Amino acid sequence: MFIVCRYYELVSKVGELEPFRDISLGPGPTNCTSTVLLNVYFDNDDQESGSAAPWSYRFGLDATTSDVKRLLSRKFIHLPPTAFTLHFNPNPKRNLNANPNPSFNPSFGPDHMKYPRQTLRKYGAKDRDEIHIRLTLSNHTPSNRV
């Protein structure tokens, strides 16, 4: 009985409560997308860095470094993930003053993606940024690119 009285008291004070009935407590719409298109370069000692044509691949922003390594290992490189390292390089044409990763300094070159649980979102990945693949073991050679 007390709740019913309070309801009518609230309606008389605020007005109709119908618009407040459907409230979403989930995250609201954001301007960022959930995927990002990255250019993937294979760097080796025989050619100058970035001279080969890149692969373009769409990754989820919540993909971790280990997820990216596993996917590249399976689809493109055909080597175990321990045979190479990944290095993230933002697109040089992008405004780096707006880079959300303050620990990254582009003057030092690509950022080594050494933390397996760090997501692409933490690197501040945007469309057309670059991932460079570098072999760590000299006895591995990449197979033919697709």
N, C-alpha and C. Protein backbone atom coordinates (compact mmCIF):
# COMPACT_ATOMS: atom_id res chain seq x y z
N MET A 1 0.82 -1.19 0.00
CA MET A 1 0.00 0.00 0.00
C MET A 1 0.87 1.26 0.00
N PHE A 2 1.95 1.20 0.78
CA PHE A 2 2.84 2.36 0.88
C PHE A 2 3.51 2.64 -0.47
N ILE A 3 3.90 1.58 -1.23
CA ILE A 3 4.56 1.74 -2.52
C ILE A 3 3.60 2.38 -3.52
N VAL A 4 2.34 1.97 -3.51
CA VAL A 4 1.36 2.53 -4.43
C VAL A 4 1.18 4.02 -4.17
N CYS A 5 1.12 4.41 -2.92
CA CYS A 5 0.99 5.83 -2.58
C CYS A 5 2.19 6.62 -3.05
N ARG A 6 3.38 6.06 -2.85
CA ARG A 6 4.59 6.76 -3.28
C ARG A 6 4.63 6.89 -4.80
N TYR A 7 4.12 5.86 -5.51
CA TYR A 7 4.09 5.92 -6.97
C TYR A 7 3.24 7.10 -7.44
N TYR A 8 2.05 7.20 -6.91
CA TYR A 8 1.16 8.30 -7.32
C TYR A 8 1.71 9.66 -6.89
N GLU A 9 2.40 9.69 -5.75
CA GLU A 9 3.04 10.93 -5.32
C GLU A 9 4.13 11.34 -6.31
N LEU A 10 4.90 10.36 -6.78
CA LEU A 10 5.96 10.63 -7.75
C LEU A 10 5.37 11.08 -9.09
N VAL A 11 4.29 10.44 -9.52
CA VAL A 11 3.64 10.82 -10.78
C VAL A 11 3.11 12.24 -10.68
N SER A 12 2.57 12.61 -9.56
CA SER A 12 2.05 13.97 -9.42
C SER A 12 3.17 15.00 -9.40
N LYS A 13 4.34 14.61 -8.92
CA LYS A 13 5.46 15.54 -8.85
C LYS A 13 6.20 15.65 -10.18
N VAL A 14 6.53 14.49 -10.81
CA VAL A 14 7.38 14.45 -11.99
C VAL A 14 6.57 14.40 -13.28
N GLY A 15 5.44 13.77 -13.24
CA GLY A 15 4.67 13.57 -14.46
C GLY A 15 4.67 12.10 -14.83
N GLU A 16 4.32 11.81 -16.06
CA GLU A 16 4.22 10.42 -16.52
C GLU A 16 5.58 9.73 -16.46
N LEU A 17 5.59 8.49 -15.96
CA LEU A 17 6.84 7.75 -15.79
C LEU A 17 7.13 6.77 -16.93
N GLU A 18 6.29 6.71 -17.94
CA GLU A 18 6.48 5.79 -19.07
C GLU A 18 7.85 5.95 -19.74
N PRO A 19 8.34 7.17 -20.02
CA PRO A 19 9.64 7.28 -20.69
C PRO A 19 10.80 6.71 -19.89
N PHE A 20 10.66 6.61 -18.58
CA PHE A 20 11.74 6.09 -17.74
C PHE A 20 11.71 4.59 -17.59
N ARG A 21 10.70 3.94 -18.18
CA ARG A 21 10.53 2.51 -18.01
C ARG A 21 11.63 1.72 -18.72
N ASP A 22 12.00 2.12 -19.93
CA ASP A 22 13.00 1.39 -20.72
C ASP A 22 14.34 2.12 -20.62
N ILE A 23 15.13 1.70 -19.69
CA ILE A 23 16.44 2.31 -19.50
C ILE A 23 17.50 1.25 -19.77
N SER A 24 18.43 1.55 -20.66
CA SER A 24 19.52 0.65 -20.98
C SER A 24 20.71 0.98 -20.10
N LEU A 25 21.19 -0.01 -19.38
CA LEU A 25 22.36 0.20 -18.52
C LEU A 25 23.66 -0.21 -19.21
N GLY A 26 23.57 -0.65 -20.45
CA GLY A 26 24.77 -1.05 -21.20
C GLY A 26 25.53 0.17 -21.69
N PRO A 27 26.70 -0.07 -22.30
CA PRO A 27 27.47 1.06 -22.82
C PRO A 27 26.72 1.73 -23.95
N GLY A 28 26.77 3.03 -23.97
CA GLY A 28 26.07 3.79 -25.00
C GLY A 28 26.79 3.72 -26.33
N PRO A 29 26.21 4.32 -27.34
CA PRO A 29 26.87 4.32 -28.66
C PRO A 29 28.15 5.15 -28.60
N THR A 30 29.17 4.65 -29.26
CA THR A 30 30.45 5.35 -29.28
C THR A 30 30.82 5.68 -30.71
N ASN A 31 31.76 6.58 -30.86
CA ASN A 31 32.21 6.96 -32.19
C ASN A 31 33.25 5.99 -32.74
N CYS A 32 33.85 5.16 -31.90
CA CYS A 32 34.89 4.26 -32.38
C CYS A 32 34.26 2.98 -32.93
N THR A 33 34.93 2.39 -33.88
CA THR A 33 34.46 1.15 -34.46
C THR A 33 35.05 -0.01 -33.68
N SER A 34 34.50 -1.18 -33.88
CA SER A 34 34.98 -2.34 -33.15
C SER A 34 36.07 -3.09 -33.91
N THR A 35 36.30 -2.72 -35.17
CA THR A 35 37.37 -3.35 -35.95
C THR A 35 38.24 -2.26 -36.57
N VAL A 36 39.43 -2.69 -36.97
CA VAL A 36 40.37 -1.76 -37.57
C VAL A 36 41.09 -2.48 -38.71
N LEU A 37 41.32 -1.79 -39.82
CA LEU A 37 42.01 -2.36 -40.97
C LEU A 37 43.49 -1.99 -40.87
N LEU A 38 44.34 -2.99 -40.69
CA LEU A 38 45.77 -2.76 -40.52
C LEU A 38 46.55 -3.31 -41.71
N ASN A 39 47.61 -2.61 -42.08
CA ASN A 39 48.53 -3.09 -43.09
C ASN A 39 49.62 -3.90 -42.38
N VAL A 40 49.86 -5.10 -42.86
CA VAL A 40 50.84 -5.99 -42.24
C VAL A 40 52.02 -6.13 -43.18
N TYR A 41 53.20 -5.76 -42.71
CA TYR A 41 54.44 -5.84 -43.50
C TYR A 41 55.31 -6.95 -42.94
N PHE A 42 55.99 -7.64 -43.84
CA PHE A 42 56.97 -8.64 -43.42
C PHE A 42 58.35 -8.05 -43.62
N ASP A 43 59.07 -7.80 -42.54
CA ASP A 43 60.41 -7.24 -42.61
C ASP A 43 61.42 -8.38 -42.52
N ASN A 44 62.34 -8.42 -43.48
CA ASN A 44 63.45 -9.37 -43.35
C ASN A 44 64.73 -8.66 -43.75
N ASP A 45 65.85 -9.33 -43.61
CA ASP A 45 67.15 -8.71 -43.84
C ASP A 45 67.45 -8.47 -45.31
N ASP A 46 66.78 -9.20 -46.21
CA ASP A 46 67.09 -9.08 -47.63
C ASP A 46 66.55 -7.81 -48.27
N GLN A 47 65.49 -7.25 -47.70
CA GLN A 47 64.87 -6.09 -48.32
C GLN A 47 64.75 -4.96 -47.32
N GLU A 48 64.65 -3.78 -47.86
CA GLU A 48 64.50 -2.61 -47.00
C GLU A 48 63.12 -2.66 -46.34
N SER A 49 63.06 -2.21 -45.11
CA SER A 49 61.82 -2.27 -44.34
C SER A 49 60.69 -1.53 -45.05
N GLY A 50 59.56 -2.22 -45.21
CA GLY A 50 58.39 -1.59 -45.80
C GLY A 50 58.38 -1.55 -47.31
N SER A 51 59.38 -2.15 -47.97
CA SER A 51 59.41 -2.07 -49.43
C SER A 51 58.46 -3.08 -50.08
N ALA A 52 58.14 -4.18 -49.39
CA ALA A 52 57.23 -5.16 -49.96
C ALA A 52 55.79 -4.69 -49.78
N ALA A 53 54.94 -5.15 -50.67
CA ALA A 53 53.53 -4.78 -50.58
C ALA A 53 52.93 -5.40 -49.32
N PRO A 54 52.13 -4.65 -48.59
CA PRO A 54 51.58 -5.19 -47.34
C PRO A 54 50.33 -6.02 -47.58
N TRP A 55 50.01 -6.85 -46.58
CA TRP A 55 48.71 -7.49 -46.53
C TRP A 55 47.82 -6.51 -45.78
N SER A 56 46.59 -6.44 -46.16
CA SER A 56 45.61 -5.67 -45.39
C SER A 56 44.67 -6.65 -44.74
N TYR A 57 44.49 -6.49 -43.44
CA TYR A 57 43.64 -7.42 -42.71
C TYR A 57 42.86 -6.66 -41.65
N ARG A 58 41.62 -7.05 -41.45
CA ARG A 58 40.76 -6.39 -40.46
C ARG A 58 40.82 -7.17 -39.15
N PHE A 59 41.23 -6.48 -38.10
CA PHE A 59 41.34 -7.06 -36.77
C PHE A 59 40.32 -6.40 -35.85
N GLY A 60 39.87 -7.11 -34.84
CA GLY A 60 39.03 -6.53 -33.80
C GLY A 60 39.90 -5.72 -32.85
N LEU A 61 39.38 -4.60 -32.38
CA LEU A 61 40.15 -3.76 -31.47
C LEU A 61 40.40 -4.44 -30.13
N ASP A 62 39.59 -5.43 -29.80
CA ASP A 62 39.78 -6.16 -28.55
C ASP A 62 40.70 -7.37 -28.71
N ALA A 63 41.26 -7.56 -29.90
CA ALA A 63 42.21 -8.65 -30.13
C ALA A 63 43.51 -8.35 -29.40
N THR A 64 44.04 -9.35 -28.71
CA THR A 64 45.29 -9.17 -27.99
C THR A 64 46.47 -9.43 -28.91
N THR A 65 47.65 -9.11 -28.44
CA THR A 65 48.87 -9.36 -29.22
C THR A 65 48.99 -10.84 -29.54
N SER A 66 48.71 -11.71 -28.57
CA SER A 66 48.82 -13.15 -28.84
C SER A 66 47.76 -13.60 -29.85
N ASP A 67 46.56 -13.01 -29.82
CA ASP A 67 45.54 -13.34 -30.84
C ASP A 67 46.02 -12.96 -32.23
N VAL A 68 46.61 -11.78 -32.36
CA VAL A 68 47.11 -11.31 -33.66
C VAL A 68 48.23 -12.22 -34.15
N LYS A 69 49.14 -12.59 -33.24
CA LYS A 69 50.24 -13.48 -33.63
C LYS A 69 49.73 -14.83 -34.10
N ARG A 70 48.76 -15.39 -33.38
CA ARG A 70 48.20 -16.69 -33.77
C ARG A 70 47.53 -16.61 -35.14
N LEU A 71 46.76 -15.54 -35.36
CA LEU A 71 46.07 -15.40 -36.63
C LEU A 71 47.06 -15.23 -37.78
N LEU A 72 48.06 -14.37 -37.60
CA LEU A 72 49.06 -14.18 -38.66
C LEU A 72 49.85 -15.46 -38.90
N SER A 73 50.12 -16.19 -37.83
CA SER A 73 50.85 -17.45 -37.96
C SER A 73 50.07 -18.46 -38.80
N ARG A 74 48.78 -18.53 -38.56
CA ARG A 74 47.94 -19.50 -39.28
C ARG A 74 47.67 -19.09 -40.72
N LYS A 75 47.31 -17.82 -40.95
CA LYS A 75 46.83 -17.40 -42.26
C LYS A 75 47.93 -16.98 -43.23
N PHE A 76 49.00 -16.37 -42.73
CA PHE A 76 49.95 -15.75 -43.64
C PHE A 76 51.36 -16.31 -43.54
N ILE A 77 51.88 -16.46 -42.36
CA ILE A 77 53.30 -16.74 -42.20
C ILE A 77 53.61 -18.23 -42.19
N HIS A 78 52.73 -19.02 -41.63
CA HIS A 78 52.89 -20.47 -41.53
C HIS A 78 54.14 -20.84 -40.74
N LEU A 79 54.42 -20.07 -39.70
CA LEU A 79 55.48 -20.34 -38.74
C LEU A 79 54.86 -20.29 -37.35
N PRO A 80 55.49 -20.93 -36.37
CA PRO A 80 54.94 -20.83 -35.02
C PRO A 80 55.02 -19.38 -34.51
N PRO A 81 54.11 -18.98 -33.65
CA PRO A 81 54.13 -17.60 -33.14
C PRO A 81 55.41 -17.22 -32.41
N THR A 82 56.15 -18.19 -31.93
CA THR A 82 57.41 -17.88 -31.24
C THR A 82 58.54 -17.55 -32.21
N ALA A 83 58.32 -17.76 -33.51
CA ALA A 83 59.37 -17.54 -34.50
C ALA A 83 59.45 -16.10 -35.00
N PHE A 84 58.53 -15.24 -34.53
CA PHE A 84 58.54 -13.85 -35.01
C PHE A 84 58.04 -12.91 -33.92
N THR A 85 58.35 -11.65 -34.10
CA THR A 85 57.85 -10.61 -33.20
C THR A 85 57.02 -9.62 -34.01
N LEU A 86 56.13 -8.94 -33.32
CA LEU A 86 55.28 -7.93 -33.96
C LEU A 86 55.67 -6.55 -33.47
N HIS A 87 55.60 -5.58 -34.38
CA HIS A 87 55.91 -4.19 -34.06
C HIS A 87 54.81 -3.32 -34.63
N PHE A 88 54.23 -2.47 -33.78
CA PHE A 88 53.13 -1.61 -34.18
C PHE A 88 53.66 -0.24 -34.57
N ASN A 89 53.20 0.26 -35.71
CA ASN A 89 53.61 1.57 -36.20
C ASN A 89 52.37 2.32 -36.67
N PRO A 90 52.03 3.45 -36.04
CA PRO A 90 50.86 4.19 -36.53
C PRO A 90 51.10 4.75 -37.92
N ASN A 91 50.05 4.99 -38.63
CA ASN A 91 50.13 5.55 -39.98
C ASN A 91 50.84 6.90 -39.91
N PRO A 92 51.91 7.09 -40.70
CA PRO A 92 52.64 8.36 -40.64
C PRO A 92 51.80 9.56 -41.05
N LYS A 93 50.73 9.35 -41.80
CA LYS A 93 49.89 10.46 -42.24
C LYS A 93 48.90 10.89 -41.18
N ARG A 94 48.77 10.08 -40.12
CA ARG A 94 47.82 10.40 -39.06
C ARG A 94 48.40 11.42 -38.10
N ASN A 95 47.57 12.21 -37.50
CA ASN A 95 48.01 13.21 -36.52
C ASN A 95 48.44 12.50 -35.25
N LEU A 96 49.75 12.48 -34.99
CA LEU A 96 50.26 11.75 -33.84
C LEU A 96 50.06 12.51 -32.53
N ASN A 97 49.67 13.77 -32.60
CA ASN A 97 49.39 14.50 -31.37
C ASN A 97 48.15 13.95 -30.68
N ALA A 98 47.28 13.31 -31.46
CA ALA A 98 46.05 12.74 -30.90
C ALA A 98 46.23 11.27 -30.55
N ASN A 99 47.47 10.77 -30.51
CA ASN A 99 47.73 9.37 -30.21
C ASN A 99 47.36 9.06 -28.76
N PRO A 100 46.44 8.10 -28.51
CA PRO A 100 46.04 7.80 -27.15
C PRO A 100 47.07 7.00 -26.37
N ASN A 101 48.14 6.55 -27.02
CA ASN A 101 49.17 5.78 -26.34
C ASN A 101 50.35 6.71 -26.03
N PRO A 102 50.38 7.33 -24.84
CA PRO A 102 51.43 8.31 -24.55
C PRO A 102 52.81 7.70 -24.40
N SER A 103 52.90 6.39 -24.18
CA SER A 103 54.21 5.76 -24.03
C SER A 103 54.90 5.56 -25.38
N PHE A 104 54.16 5.72 -26.49
CA PHE A 104 54.73 5.49 -27.80
C PHE A 104 55.34 6.78 -28.34
N ASN A 105 56.59 6.69 -28.74
CA ASN A 105 57.28 7.83 -29.34
C ASN A 105 57.69 7.42 -30.74
N PRO A 106 57.11 8.02 -31.79
CA PRO A 106 57.39 7.57 -33.16
C PRO A 106 58.83 7.78 -33.59
N SER A 107 59.58 8.63 -32.89
CA SER A 107 60.96 8.86 -33.29
C SER A 107 61.85 7.66 -32.98
N PHE A 108 61.38 6.75 -32.12
CA PHE A 108 62.15 5.55 -31.79
C PHE A 108 61.80 4.37 -32.69
N GLY A 109 60.92 4.56 -33.64
CA GLY A 109 60.54 3.49 -34.55
C GLY A 109 59.31 2.76 -34.06
N PRO A 110 58.97 1.65 -34.71
CA PRO A 110 57.77 0.90 -34.34
C PRO A 110 57.82 0.39 -32.90
N ASP A 111 56.67 0.34 -32.27
CA ASP A 111 56.53 -0.11 -30.89
C ASP A 111 56.49 -1.63 -30.86
N HIS A 112 57.40 -2.26 -30.11
CA HIS A 112 57.44 -3.71 -29.99
C HIS A 112 56.21 -4.18 -29.22
N MET A 113 55.43 -5.05 -29.83
CA MET A 113 54.21 -5.57 -29.20
C MET A 113 54.58 -6.79 -28.36
N LYS A 114 55.19 -6.54 -27.21
CA LYS A 114 55.73 -7.64 -26.42
C LYS A 114 54.81 -8.14 -25.33
N TYR A 115 53.72 -7.45 -25.05
CA TYR A 115 52.81 -7.88 -24.00
C TYR A 115 51.67 -8.69 -24.60
N PRO A 116 51.60 -9.99 -24.32
CA PRO A 116 50.65 -10.87 -25.01
C PRO A 116 49.18 -10.55 -24.73
N ARG A 117 48.86 -9.91 -23.61
CA ARG A 117 47.46 -9.65 -23.29
C ARG A 117 47.04 -8.22 -23.61
N GLN A 118 47.93 -7.41 -24.17
CA GLN A 118 47.59 -6.03 -24.50
C GLN A 118 46.78 -6.00 -25.79
N THR A 119 45.70 -5.24 -25.79
CA THR A 119 44.80 -5.21 -26.94
C THR A 119 45.24 -4.13 -27.95
N LEU A 120 44.74 -4.26 -29.15
CA LEU A 120 45.03 -3.26 -30.18
C LEU A 120 44.46 -1.89 -29.80
N ARG A 121 43.40 -1.89 -29.02
CA ARG A 121 42.82 -0.63 -28.55
C ARG A 121 43.82 0.13 -27.68
N LYS A 122 44.60 -0.59 -26.87
CA LYS A 122 45.61 0.04 -26.01
C LYS A 122 46.74 0.66 -26.82
N TYR A 123 47.02 0.09 -27.99
CA TYR A 123 48.04 0.67 -28.86
C TYR A 123 47.50 1.89 -29.61
N GLY A 124 46.21 2.15 -29.53
CA GLY A 124 45.62 3.28 -30.24
C GLY A 124 45.49 2.99 -31.72
N ALA A 125 45.22 1.74 -32.08
CA ALA A 125 45.17 1.35 -33.49
C ALA A 125 44.00 2.01 -34.20
N LYS A 126 44.28 2.54 -35.38
CA LYS A 126 43.28 3.13 -36.27
C LYS A 126 43.45 2.51 -37.64
N ASP A 127 42.50 2.76 -38.54
CA ASP A 127 42.59 2.23 -39.90
C ASP A 127 43.89 2.67 -40.57
N ARG A 128 44.48 1.75 -41.32
CA ARG A 128 45.71 1.95 -42.11
C ARG A 128 46.97 2.12 -41.27
N ASP A 129 46.92 1.76 -39.98
CA ASP A 129 48.15 1.68 -39.21
C ASP A 129 48.89 0.42 -39.65
N GLU A 130 50.13 0.26 -39.20
CA GLU A 130 50.97 -0.83 -39.69
C GLU A 130 51.39 -1.76 -38.56
N ILE A 131 51.48 -3.05 -38.90
CA ILE A 131 52.11 -4.04 -38.04
C ILE A 131 53.25 -4.63 -38.84
N HIS A 132 54.45 -4.61 -38.27
CA HIS A 132 55.62 -5.18 -38.92
C HIS A 132 55.96 -6.50 -38.25
N ILE A 133 56.24 -7.51 -39.09
CA ILE A 133 56.60 -8.84 -38.60
C ILE A 133 58.10 -9.01 -38.79
N ARG A 134 58.79 -9.38 -37.74
CA ARG A 134 60.24 -9.63 -37.82
C ARG A 134 60.54 -11.02 -37.29
N LEU A 135 61.29 -11.78 -38.07
CA LEU A 135 61.68 -13.12 -37.64
C LEU A 135 62.66 -13.04 -36.48
N THR A 136 62.51 -13.96 -35.53
CA THR A 136 63.44 -14.01 -34.41
C THR A 136 64.41 -15.17 -34.55
N LEU A 137 64.04 -16.18 -35.28
CA LEU A 137 64.92 -17.35 -35.47
C LEU A 137 65.42 -17.34 -36.90
N SER A 138 66.72 -17.42 -37.08
CA SER A 138 67.30 -17.31 -38.42
C SER A 138 67.06 -18.55 -39.28
N ASN A 139 66.77 -19.70 -38.67
CA ASN A 139 66.58 -20.91 -39.48
C ASN A 139 65.17 -21.01 -40.04
N HIS A 140 64.27 -20.09 -39.69
CA HIS A 140 62.92 -20.07 -40.25
C HIS A 140 62.89 -19.16 -41.46
N THR A 141 62.26 -19.61 -42.51
CA THR A 141 62.05 -18.74 -43.68
C THR A 141 60.56 -18.74 -43.98
N PRO A 142 60.02 -17.62 -44.38
CA PRO A 142 58.58 -17.58 -44.64
C PRO A 142 58.21 -18.34 -45.89
N SER A 143 57.01 -18.91 -45.88
CA SER A 143 56.53 -19.59 -47.07
C SER A 143 55.99 -18.55 -48.04
N ASN A 144 55.56 -18.99 -49.19
CA ASN A 144 55.03 -18.07 -50.19
C ASN A 144 53.83 -17.32 -49.64
N ARG A 145 53.80 -16.04 -49.93
CA ARG A 145 52.68 -15.22 -49.45
C ARG A 145 51.46 -15.46 -50.30
N VAL A 146 50.32 -15.36 -49.69
CA VAL A 146 49.06 -15.56 -50.40
C VAL A 146 48.59 -14.25 -50.97
